[in-house]
């Protein structure tokens, strides 16, 4: 009888965010997030200059989905503009699994 190999964990995925997260970016962002479901996910927010509500909504929904799926979801290297946008919308950094900003 052959030994059964345990299923390999899906490899982590990194999704770099564009500089402008506006309405036009919301659809493609949502598609990229859905395509990554089932993997540990790192969002690279280092290039973000502007954040709109629709993209922020997609990111918050993704954070909650990944949490429900018990998968890792992290915002890495958030730009100062990204952090400032979160503050303007009243979103605490912990909601998106990112370190507290050092302002």
PDB file of N, CA and C in Angstrom:
ATOM      1  N   UNK A   1       0.839  -1.163   0.000  1.00  0.00           N
ATOM      2  CA  UNK A   1       0.000   0.000   0.000  1.00  0.00           C
ATOM      3  C   UNK A   1       0.895   1.241   0.000  1.00  0.00           C
ATOM      4  N   UNK A   2       0.646   2.152  -0.922  1.00  0.00           N
ATOM      5  CA  UNK A   2       1.467   3.357  -1.051  1.00  0.00           C
ATOM      6  C   UNK A   2       1.096   4.368   0.025  1.00  0.00           C
ATOM      7  N   UNK A   3       2.112   5.080   0.495  1.00  0.00           N
ATOM      8  CA  UNK A   3       1.874   6.128   1.489  1.00  0.00           C
ATOM      9  C   UNK A   3       1.159   7.303   0.819  1.00  0.00           C
ATOM     10  N   UNK A   4       0.231   7.869   1.536  1.00  0.00           N
ATOM     11  CA  UNK A   4      -0.505   9.016   1.012  1.00  0.00           C
ATOM     12  C   UNK A   4       0.204  10.281   1.457  1.00  0.00           C
ATOM     13  N   UNK A   5       0.585  11.078   0.476  1.00  0.00           N
ATOM     14  CA  UNK A   5       1.255  12.342   0.778  1.00  0.00           C
ATOM     15  C   UNK A   5       0.227  13.366   1.232  1.00  0.00           C
ATOM     16  N   UNK A   6       0.526  14.152   2.286  1.00  0.00           N
ATOM     17  CA  UNK A   6      -0.412  15.203   2.676  1.00  0.00           C
ATOM     18  C   UNK A   6      -0.478  16.256   1.573  1.00  0.00           C
ATOM     19  N   UNK A   7      -1.632  16.860   1.444  1.00  0.00           N
ATOM     20  CA  UNK A   7      -1.806  17.902   0.426  1.00  0.00           C
ATOM     21  C   UNK A   7      -0.883  19.072   0.739  1.00  0.00           C
ATOM     22  N   UNK A   8      -0.210  19.532  -0.282  1.00  0.00           N
ATOM     23  CA  UNK A   8       0.689  20.668  -0.099  1.00  0.00           C
ATOM     24  C   UNK A   8      -0.137  21.929   0.097  1.00  0.00           C
ATOM     25  N   UNK A   9       0.320  22.772   1.008  1.00  0.00           N
ATOM     26  CA  UNK A   9      -0.359  24.049   1.222  1.00  0.00           C
ATOM     27  C   UNK A   9      -0.136  24.922  -0.006  1.00  0.00           C
ATOM     28  N   UNK A  10      -1.163  25.666  -0.408  1.00  0.00           N
ATOM     29  CA  UNK A  10      -0.978  26.560  -1.550  1.00  0.00           C
ATOM     30  C   UNK A  10       0.121  27.577  -1.249  1.00  0.00           C
ATOM     31  N   UNK A  11       0.879  27.919  -2.274  1.00  0.00           N
ATOM     32  CA  UNK A  11       1.948  28.889  -2.045  1.00  0.00           C
ATOM     33  C   UNK A  11       1.351  30.276  -1.838  1.00  0.00           C
ATOM     34  N   UNK A  12       2.009  31.100  -1.024  1.00  0.00           N
ATOM     35  CA  UNK A  12       1.494  32.441  -0.757  1.00  0.00           C
ATOM     36  C   UNK A  12       1.489  33.287  -2.030  1.00  0.00           C
ATOM     37  N   UNK A  13       0.586  34.230  -2.079  1.00  0.00           N
ATOM     38  CA  UNK A  13       0.432  35.110  -3.229  1.00  0.00           C
ATOM     39  C   UNK A  13       0.686  36.545  -2.788  1.00  0.00           C
ATOM     40  N   UNK A  14       1.360  37.312  -3.646  1.00  0.00           N
ATOM     41  CA  UNK A  14       1.537  38.742  -3.400  1.00  0.00           C
ATOM     42  C   UNK A  14       0.824  39.510  -4.495  1.00  0.00           C
ATOM     43  N   UNK A  15      -0.010  40.457  -4.079  1.00  0.00           N
ATOM     44  CA  UNK A  15      -0.726  41.312  -5.022  1.00  0.00           C
ATOM     45  C   UNK A  15      -0.231  42.740  -4.808  1.00  0.00           C
ATOM     46  N   UNK A  16       0.495  43.295  -5.786  1.00  0.00           N
ATOM     47  CA  UNK A  16       0.917  44.692  -5.668  1.00  0.00           C
ATOM     48  C   UNK A  16      -0.248  45.606  -6.044  1.00  0.00           C
ATOM     49  N   UNK A  17      -0.476  46.619  -5.235  1.00  0.00           N
ATOM     50  CA  UNK A  17      -1.538  47.573  -5.527  1.00  0.00           C
ATOM     51  C   UNK A  17      -1.021  48.660  -6.454  1.00  0.00           C
ATOM     52  N   UNK A  18      -1.878  49.150  -7.357  1.00  0.00           N
ATOM     53  CA  UNK A  18      -1.472  50.258  -8.226  1.00  0.00           C
ATOM     54  C   UNK A  18      -1.406  51.555  -7.431  1.00  0.00           C
ATOM     55  N   UNK A  19      -0.810  52.575  -8.019  1.00  0.00           N
ATOM     56  CA  UNK A  19      -0.678  53.864  -7.346  1.00  0.00           C
ATOM     57  C   UNK A  19      -2.036  54.501  -7.087  1.00  0.00           C
ATOM     58  N   UNK A  20      -2.948  54.358  -8.029  1.00  0.00           N
ATOM     59  CA  UNK A  20      -4.271  54.979  -7.910  1.00  0.00           C
ATOM     60  C   UNK A  20      -5.319  53.882  -7.755  1.00  0.00           C
ATOM     61  N   UNK A  21      -5.933  53.838  -6.594  1.00  0.00           N
ATOM     62  CA  UNK A  21      -6.988  52.867  -6.316  1.00  0.00           C
ATOM     63  C   UNK A  21      -8.331  53.583  -6.397  1.00  0.00           C
ATOM     64  N   UNK A  22      -8.781  53.827  -7.613  1.00  0.00           N
ATOM     65  CA  UNK A  22     -10.034  54.537  -7.832  1.00  0.00           C
ATOM     66  C   UNK A  22     -11.090  53.569  -8.350  1.00  0.00           C
ATOM     67  N   UNK A  23     -12.216  54.101  -8.801  1.00  0.00           N
ATOM     68  CA  UNK A  23     -13.301  53.266  -9.291  1.00  0.00           C
ATOM     69  C   UNK A  23     -12.841  52.352 -10.424  1.00  0.00           C
ATOM     70  N   UNK A  24     -12.007  52.864 -11.328  1.00  0.00           N
ATOM     71  CA  UNK A  24     -11.524  52.057 -12.452  1.00  0.00           C
ATOM     72  C   UNK A  24     -10.661  50.881 -11.982  1.00  0.00           C
ATOM     73  N   UNK A  25     -10.012  51.016 -10.835  1.00  0.00           N
ATOM     74  CA  UNK A  25      -9.152  49.951 -10.313  1.00  0.00           C
ATOM     75  C   UNK A  25      -9.921  48.922  -9.493  1.00  0.00           C
ATOM     76  N   UNK A  26     -11.152  49.244  -9.080  1.00  0.00           N
ATOM     77  CA  UNK A  26     -11.902  48.367  -8.178  1.00  0.00           C
ATOM     78  C   UNK A  26     -12.214  47.000  -8.798  1.00  0.00           C
ATOM     79  N   UNK A  27     -12.672  46.977 -10.049  1.00  0.00           N
ATOM     80  CA  UNK A  27     -12.991  45.702 -10.706  1.00  0.00           C
ATOM     81  C   UNK A  27     -11.779  44.800 -10.849  1.00  0.00           C
ATOM     82  N   UNK A  28     -10.687  45.313 -11.440  1.00  0.00           N
ATOM     83  CA  UNK A  28      -9.487  44.475 -11.566  1.00  0.00           C
ATOM     84  C   UNK A  28      -8.928  44.023 -10.215  1.00  0.00           C
ATOM     85  N   UNK A  29      -8.989  44.898  -9.198  1.00  0.00           N
ATOM     86  CA  UNK A  29      -8.504  44.517  -7.868  1.00  0.00           C
ATOM     87  C   UNK A  29      -9.346  43.374  -7.316  1.00  0.00           C
ATOM     88  N   UNK A  30     -10.650  43.490  -7.428  1.00  0.00           N
ATOM     89  CA  UNK A  30     -11.543  42.445  -6.929  1.00  0.00           C
ATOM     90  C   UNK A  30     -11.263  41.120  -7.639  1.00  0.00           C
ATOM     91  N   UNK A  31     -11.060  41.159  -8.955  1.00  0.00           N
ATOM     92  CA  UNK A  31     -10.751  39.943  -9.705  1.00  0.00           C
ATOM     93  C   UNK A  31      -9.451  39.309  -9.230  1.00  0.00           C
ATOM     94  N   UNK A  32      -8.423  40.133  -8.993  1.00  0.00           N
ATOM     95  CA  UNK A  32      -7.131  39.595  -8.531  1.00  0.00           C
ATOM     96  C   UNK A  32      -7.269  38.982  -7.146  1.00  0.00           C
ATOM     97  N   UNK A  33      -8.064  39.631  -6.286  1.00  0.00           N
ATOM     98  CA  UNK A  33      -8.265  39.089  -4.944  1.00  0.00           C
ATOM     99  C   UNK A  33      -9.014  37.766  -5.002  1.00  0.00           C
ATOM    100  N   UNK A  34     -10.057  37.697  -5.801  1.00  0.00           N
ATOM    101  CA  UNK A  34     -10.815  36.447  -5.933  1.00  0.00           C
ATOM    102  C   UNK A  34      -9.949  35.329  -6.498  1.00  0.00           C
ATOM    103  N   UNK A  35      -9.080  35.653  -7.435  1.00  0.00           N
ATOM    104  CA  UNK A  35      -8.195  34.646  -8.027  1.00  0.00           C
ATOM    105  C   UNK A  35      -7.201  34.100  -7.003  1.00  0.00           C
ATOM    106  N   UNK A  36      -6.898  34.888  -5.984  1.00  0.00           N
ATOM    107  CA  UNK A  36      -5.926  34.476  -4.970  1.00  0.00           C
ATOM    108  C   UNK A  36      -6.565  33.755  -3.789  1.00  0.00           C
ATOM    109  N   UNK A  37      -7.897  33.668  -3.771  1.00  0.00           N
ATOM    110  CA  UNK A  37      -8.568  33.034  -2.640  1.00  0.00           C
ATOM    111  C   UNK A  37      -8.090  31.599  -2.484  1.00  0.00           C
ATOM    112  N   UNK A  38      -7.884  31.210  -1.238  1.00  0.00           N
ATOM    113  CA  UNK A  38      -7.383  29.868  -0.947  1.00  0.00           C
ATOM    114  C   UNK A  38      -5.887  29.837  -0.708  1.00  0.00           C
ATOM    115  N   UNK A  39      -5.223  30.972  -0.904  1.00  0.00           N
ATOM    116  CA  UNK A  39      -3.789  31.059  -0.625  1.00  0.00           C
ATOM    117  C   UNK A  39      -3.566  32.095   0.465  1.00  0.00           C
ATOM    118  N   UNK A  40      -2.427  32.026   1.116  1.00  0.00           N
ATOM    119  CA  UNK A  40      -2.036  33.119   2.003  1.00  0.00           C
ATOM    120  C   UNK A  40      -1.750  34.314   1.114  1.00  0.00           C
ATOM    121  N   UNK A  41      -2.159  35.501   1.560  1.00  0.00           N
ATOM    122  CA  UNK A  41      -2.096  36.666   0.684  1.00  0.00           C
ATOM    123  C   UNK A  41      -1.371  37.824   1.344  1.00  0.00           C
ATOM    124  N   UNK A  42      -0.450  38.396   0.593  1.00  0.00           N
ATOM    125  CA  UNK A  42       0.222  39.628   0.998  1.00  0.00           C
ATOM    126  C   UNK A  42      -0.122  40.687  -0.037  1.00  0.00           C
ATOM    127  N   UNK A  43      -0.595  41.825   0.447  1.00  0.00           N
ATOM    128  CA  UNK A  43      -0.908  42.960  -0.402  1.00  0.00           C
ATOM    129  C   UNK A  43       0.235  43.953  -0.263  1.00  0.00           C
ATOM    130  N   UNK A  44       0.896  44.271  -1.367  1.00  0.00           N
ATOM    131  CA  UNK A  44       1.986  45.248  -1.356  1.00  0.00           C
ATOM    132  C   UNK A  44       1.387  46.630  -1.637  1.00  0.00           C
ATOM    133  N   UNK A  45       1.327  47.458  -0.603  1.00  0.00           N
ATOM    134  CA  UNK A  45       0.722  48.789  -0.721  1.00  0.00           C
ATOM    135  C   UNK A  45       1.773  49.897  -0.786  1.00  0.00           C
ATOM    136  N   UNK A  46       2.978  49.550  -1.165  1.00  0.00           N
ATOM    137  CA  UNK A  46       4.083  50.511  -1.127  1.00  0.00           C
ATOM    138  C   UNK A  46       3.988  51.608  -2.175  1.00  0.00           C
ATOM    139  N   UNK A  47       3.280  51.354  -3.283  1.00  0.00           N
ATOM    140  CA  UNK A  47       3.208  52.331  -4.375  1.00  0.00           C
ATOM    141  C   UNK A  47       1.917  53.167  -4.360  1.00  0.00           C
ATOM    142  N   UNK A  48       1.039  52.929  -3.396  1.00  0.00           N
ATOM    143  CA  UNK A  48      -0.263  53.587  -3.375  1.00  0.00           C
ATOM    144  C   UNK A  48      -0.127  55.080  -3.086  1.00  0.00           C
ATOM    145  N   UNK A  49      -0.760  55.880  -3.938  1.00  0.00           N
ATOM    146  CA  UNK A  49      -0.793  57.334  -3.760  1.00  0.00           C
ATOM    147  C   UNK A  49      -2.190  57.833  -3.406  1.00  0.00           C
ATOM    148  N   UNK A  50      -3.227  57.126  -3.886  1.00  0.00           N
ATOM    149  CA  UNK A  50      -4.607  57.556  -3.645  1.00  0.00           C
ATOM    150  C   UNK A  50      -5.511  56.332  -3.518  1.00  0.00           C
ATOM    151  N   UNK A  51      -6.434  56.393  -2.541  1.00  0.00           N
ATOM    152  CA  UNK A  51      -7.336  55.268  -2.286  1.00  0.00           C
ATOM    153  C   UNK A  51      -8.777  55.761  -2.328  1.00  0.00           C
ATOM    154  N   UNK A  52      -9.596  55.094  -3.139  1.00  0.00           N
ATOM    155  CA  UNK A  52     -11.020  55.385  -3.189  1.00  0.00           C
ATOM    156  C   UNK A  52     -11.801  54.380  -2.364  1.00  0.00           C
ATOM    157  N   UNK A  53     -13.024  54.727  -2.083  1.00  0.00           N
ATOM    158  CA  UNK A  53     -13.866  53.897  -1.230  1.00  0.00           C
ATOM    159  C   UNK A  53     -14.129  52.510  -1.764  1.00  0.00           C
ATOM    160  N   UNK A  54     -14.297  52.378  -3.086  1.00  0.00           N
ATOM    161  CA  UNK A  54     -14.612  51.069  -3.651  1.00  0.00           C
ATOM    162  C   UNK A  54     -13.458  50.088  -3.471  1.00  0.00           C
ATOM    163  N   UNK A  55     -12.240  50.550  -3.686  1.00  0.00           N
ATOM    164  CA  UNK A  55     -11.083  49.664  -3.505  1.00  0.00           C
ATOM    165  C   UNK A  55     -10.864  49.350  -2.029  1.00  0.00           C
ATOM    166  N   UNK A  56     -11.093  50.334  -1.178  1.00  0.00           N
ATOM    167  CA  UNK A  56     -10.966  50.083   0.251  1.00  0.00           C
ATOM    168  C   UNK A  56     -12.003  49.054   0.693  1.00  0.00           C
ATOM    169  N   UNK A  57     -13.205  49.154   0.161  1.00  0.00           N
ATOM    170  CA  UNK A  57     -14.244  48.179   0.470  1.00  0.00           C
ATOM    171  C   UNK A  57     -13.812  46.782   0.021  1.00  0.00           C
ATOM    172  N   UNK A  58     -13.210  46.666  -1.149  1.00  0.00           N
ATOM    173  CA  UNK A  58     -12.741  45.369  -1.635  1.00  0.00           C
ATOM    174  C   UNK A  58     -11.661  44.800  -0.720  1.00  0.00           C
ATOM    175  N   UNK A  59     -10.765  45.654  -0.237  1.00  0.00           N
ATOM    176  CA  UNK A  59      -9.699  45.186   0.653  1.00  0.00           C
ATOM    177  C   UNK A  59     -10.243  44.754   2.013  1.00  0.00           C
ATOM    178  N   UNK A  60     -11.189  45.503   2.565  1.00  0.00           N
ATOM    179  CA  UNK A  60     -11.785  45.133   3.852  1.00  0.00           C
ATOM    180  C   UNK A  60     -12.548  43.813   3.708  1.00  0.00           C
ATOM    181  N   UNK A  61     -13.305  43.667   2.620  1.00  0.00           N
ATOM    182  CA  UNK A  61     -14.034  42.421   2.385  1.00  0.00           C
ATOM    183  C   UNK A  61     -13.066  41.251   2.243  1.00  0.00           C
ATOM    184  N   UNK A  62     -11.952  41.478   1.545  1.00  0.00           N
ATOM    185  CA  UNK A  62     -10.948  40.414   1.388  1.00  0.00           C
ATOM    186  C   UNK A  62     -10.349  40.036   2.743  1.00  0.00           C
ATOM    187  N   UNK A  63     -10.033  41.022   3.564  1.00  0.00           N
ATOM    188  CA  UNK A  63      -9.464  40.735   4.889  1.00  0.00           C
ATOM    189  C   UNK A  63     -10.421  39.867   5.700  1.00  0.00           C
ATOM    190  N   UNK A  64     -11.708  40.180   5.644  1.00  0.00           N
ATOM    191  CA  UNK A  64     -12.699  39.396   6.386  1.00  0.00           C
ATOM    192  C   UNK A  64     -12.847  37.990   5.781  1.00  0.00           C
ATOM    193  N   UNK A  65     -12.796  37.890   4.461  1.00  0.00           N
ATOM    194  CA  UNK A  65     -12.906  36.592   3.796  1.00  0.00           C
ATOM    195  C   UNK A  65     -11.721  35.708   4.146  1.00  0.00           C
ATOM    196  N   UNK A  66     -10.515  36.269   4.083  1.00  0.00           N
ATOM    197  CA  UNK A  66      -9.315  35.490   4.401  1.00  0.00           C
ATOM    198  C   UNK A  66      -9.356  35.050   5.864  1.00  0.00           C
ATOM    199  N   UNK A  67      -9.839  35.905   6.734  1.00  0.00           N
ATOM    200  CA  UNK A  67      -9.957  35.539   8.145  1.00  0.00           C
ATOM    201  C   UNK A  67     -10.938  34.375   8.309  1.00  0.00           C
ATOM    202  N   UNK A  68     -12.084  34.447   7.640  1.00  0.00           N
ATOM    203  CA  UNK A  68     -13.076  33.368   7.713  1.00  0.00           C
ATOM    204  C   UNK A  68     -12.518  32.071   7.139  1.00  0.00           C
ATOM    205  N   UNK A  69     -11.676  32.194   6.119  1.00  0.00           N
ATOM    206  CA  UNK A  69     -11.049  31.017   5.502  1.00  0.00           C
ATOM    207  C   UNK A  69      -9.845  30.519   6.299  1.00  0.00           C
ATOM    208  N   UNK A  70      -9.494  31.243   7.349  1.00  0.00           N
ATOM    209  CA  UNK A  70      -8.320  30.922   8.186  1.00  0.00           C
ATOM    210  C   UNK A  70      -7.029  30.913   7.369  1.00  0.00           C
ATOM    211  N   UNK A  71      -6.931  31.878   6.478  1.00  0.00           N
ATOM    212  CA  UNK A  71      -5.720  32.051   5.678  1.00  0.00           C
ATOM    213  C   UNK A  71      -5.081  33.380   6.070  1.00  0.00           C
ATOM    214  N   UNK A  72      -3.816  33.506   5.811  1.00  0.00           N
ATOM    215  CA  UNK A  72      -3.078  34.716   6.147  1.00  0.00           C
ATOM    216  C   UNK A  72      -3.394  35.833   5.152  1.00  0.00           C
ATOM    217  N   UNK A  73      -3.641  37.031   5.675  1.00  0.00           N
ATOM    218  CA  UNK A  73      -3.892  38.222   4.864  1.00  0.00           C
ATOM    219  C   UNK A  73      -3.118  39.348   5.509  1.00  0.00           C
ATOM    220  N   UNK A  74      -2.230  39.973   4.739  1.00  0.00           N
ATOM    221  CA  UNK A  74      -1.378  41.022   5.293  1.00  0.00           C
ATOM    222  C   UNK A  74      -1.198  42.141   4.286  1.00  0.00           C
ATOM    223  N   UNK A  75      -1.229  43.365   4.791  1.00  0.00           N
ATOM    224  CA  UNK A  75      -0.866  44.530   3.984  1.00  0.00           C
ATOM    225  C   UNK A  75       0.597  44.820   4.303  1.00  0.00           C
ATOM    226  N   UNK A  76       1.452  44.698   3.309  1.00  0.00           N
ATOM    227  CA  UNK A  76       2.885  44.900   3.510  1.00  0.00           C
ATOM    228  C   UNK A  76       3.308  46.265   2.980  1.00  0.00           C
ATOM    229  N   UNK A  77       4.221  46.875   3.664  1.00  0.00           N
ATOM    230  CA  UNK A  77       4.860  48.114   3.232  1.00  0.00           C
ATOM    231  C   UNK A  77       3.848  49.188   2.823  1.00  0.00           C
ATOM    232  N   UNK A  78       2.862  49.499   3.673  1.00  0.00           N
ATOM    233  CA  UNK A  78       1.879  50.511   3.286  1.00  0.00           C
ATOM    234  C   UNK A  78       2.538  51.879   3.121  1.00  0.00           C
ATOM    235  N   UNK A  79       2.221  52.538   2.032  1.00  0.00           N
ATOM    236  CA  UNK A  79       2.756  53.887   1.804  1.00  0.00           C
ATOM    237  C   UNK A  79       2.104  54.850   2.792  1.00  0.00           C
ATOM    238  N   UNK A  80       2.744  55.993   3.053  1.00  0.00           N
ATOM    239  CA  UNK A  80       2.122  56.992   3.935  1.00  0.00           C
ATOM    240  C   UNK A  80       0.741  57.426   3.430  1.00  0.00           C
ATOM    241  N   UNK A  81       0.585  57.500   2.118  1.00  0.00           N
ATOM    242  CA  UNK A  81      -0.703  57.887   1.546  1.00  0.00           C
ATOM    243  C   UNK A  81      -1.779  56.829   1.810  1.00  0.00           C
ATOM    244  N   UNK A  82      -1.385  55.562   1.774  1.00  0.00           N
ATOM    245  CA  UNK A  82      -2.320  54.480   2.059  1.00  0.00           C
ATOM    246  C   UNK A  82      -2.778  54.563   3.508  1.00  0.00           C
ATOM    247  N   UNK A  83      -1.830  54.747   4.418  1.00  0.00           N
ATOM    248  CA  UNK A  83      -2.149  54.851   5.847  1.00  0.00           C
ATOM    249  C   UNK A  83      -3.043  56.065   6.101  1.00  0.00           C
ATOM    250  N   UNK A  84      -2.713  57.188   5.472  1.00  0.00           N
ATOM    251  CA  UNK A  84      -3.510  58.404   5.641  1.00  0.00           C
ATOM    252  C   UNK A  84      -4.944  58.190   5.132  1.00  0.00           C
ATOM    253  N   UNK A  85      -5.089  57.500   4.012  1.00  0.00           N
ATOM    254  CA  UNK A  85      -6.422  57.224   3.469  1.00  0.00           C
ATOM    255  C   UNK A  85      -7.232  56.373   4.436  1.00  0.00           C
ATOM    256  N   UNK A  86      -6.606  55.370   5.024  1.00  0.00           N
ATOM    257  CA  UNK A  86      -7.307  54.544   6.007  1.00  0.00           C
ATOM    258  C   UNK A  86      -7.797  55.397   7.166  1.00  0.00           C
ATOM    259  N   UNK A  87      -6.941  56.292   7.625  1.00  0.00           N
ATOM    260  CA  UNK A  87      -7.322  57.162   8.735  1.00  0.00           C
ATOM    261  C   UNK A  87      -8.486  58.062   8.350  1.00  0.00           C
ATOM    262  N   UNK A  88      -8.480  58.602   7.129  1.00  0.00           N
ATOM    263  CA  UNK A  88      -9.582  59.453   6.676  1.00  0.00           C
ATOM    264  C   UNK A  88     -10.900  58.688   6.625  1.00  0.00           C
ATOM    265  N   UNK A  89     -10.841  57.408   6.257  1.00  0.00           N
ATOM    266  CA  UNK A  89     -12.047  56.587   6.196  1.00  0.00           C
ATOM    267  C   UNK A  89     -12.424  56.003   7.562  1.00  0.00           C
ATOM    268  N   UNK A  90     -11.582  56.219   8.572  1.00  0.00           N
ATOM    269  CA  UNK A  90     -11.859  55.704   9.912  1.00  0.00           C
ATOM    270  C   UNK A  90     -11.563  54.231  10.072  1.00  0.00           C
ATOM    271  N   UNK A  91     -10.664  53.707   9.250  1.00  0.00           N
ATOM    272  CA  UNK A  91     -10.300  52.286   9.310  1.00  0.00           C
ATOM    273  C   UNK A  91      -9.031  52.132  10.142  1.00  0.00           C
ATOM    274  N   UNK A  92      -9.107  51.302  11.169  1.00  0.00           N
ATOM    275  CA  UNK A  92      -7.933  51.007  11.988  1.00  0.00           C
ATOM    276  C   UNK A  92      -7.011  50.060  11.219  1.00  0.00           C
ATOM    277  N   UNK A  93      -5.688  50.251  11.330  1.00  0.00           N
ATOM    278  CA  UNK A  93      -4.762  49.369  10.606  1.00  0.00           C
ATOM    279  C   UNK A  93      -4.967  47.884  10.891  1.00  0.00           C
ATOM    280  N   UNK A  94      -5.368  47.536  12.099  1.00  0.00           N
ATOM    281  CA  UNK A  94      -5.573  46.133  12.454  1.00  0.00           C
ATOM    282  C   UNK A  94      -6.675  45.458  11.647  1.00  0.00           C
ATOM    283  N   UNK A  95      -7.640  46.230  11.145  1.00  0.00           N
ATOM    284  CA  UNK A  95      -8.729  45.665  10.343  1.00  0.00           C
ATOM    285  C   UNK A  95      -8.164  45.020   9.081  1.00  0.00           C
ATOM    286  N   UNK A  96      -7.103  45.608   8.547  1.00  0.00           N
ATOM    287  CA  UNK A  96      -6.500  45.090   7.322  1.00  0.00           C
ATOM    288  C   UNK A  96      -5.207  44.308   7.609  1.00  0.00           C
ATOM    289  N   UNK A  97      -5.007  43.901   8.832  1.00  0.00           N
ATOM    290  CA  UNK A  97      -3.842  43.091   9.200  1.00  0.00           C
ATOM    291  C   UNK A  97      -2.541  43.733   8.750  1.00  0.00           C
ATOM    292  N   UNK A  98      -2.363  44.975   9.166  1.00  0.00           N
ATOM    293  CA  UNK A  98      -1.118  45.656   8.880  1.00  0.00           C
ATOM    294  C   UNK A  98      -0.591  46.243  10.177  1.00  0.00           C
ATOM    295  N   UNK A  99       0.710  46.428  10.275  1.00  0.00           N
ATOM    296  CA  UNK A  99       1.264  46.992  11.509  1.00  0.00           C
ATOM    297  C   UNK A  99       0.767  48.420  11.706  1.00  0.00           C
ATOM    298  N   UNK A 100       0.713  48.817  12.968  1.00  0.00           N
ATOM    299  CA  UNK A 100       0.348  50.203  13.285  1.00  0.00           C
ATOM    300  C   UNK A 100       1.359  51.124  12.616  1.00  0.00           C
ATOM    301  N   UNK A 101       0.888  52.192  11.999  1.00  0.00           N
ATOM    302  CA  UNK A 101       1.817  53.114  11.340  1.00  0.00           C
ATOM    303  C   UNK A 101       2.689  53.833  12.350  1.00  0.00           C
ATOM    304  N   UNK A 102       3.899  54.107  11.960  1.00  0.00           N
ATOM    305  CA  UNK A 102       4.804  54.889  12.803  1.00  0.00           C
ATOM    306  C   UNK A 102       4.873  56.284  12.218  1.00  0.00           C
ATOM    307  N   UNK A 103       3.953  57.124  12.640  1.00  0.00           N
ATOM    308  CA  UNK A 103       3.880  58.487  12.085  1.00  0.00           C
ATOM    309  C   UNK A 103       4.726  59.449  12.858  1.00  0.00           C
TER     310      UNK A 103
END
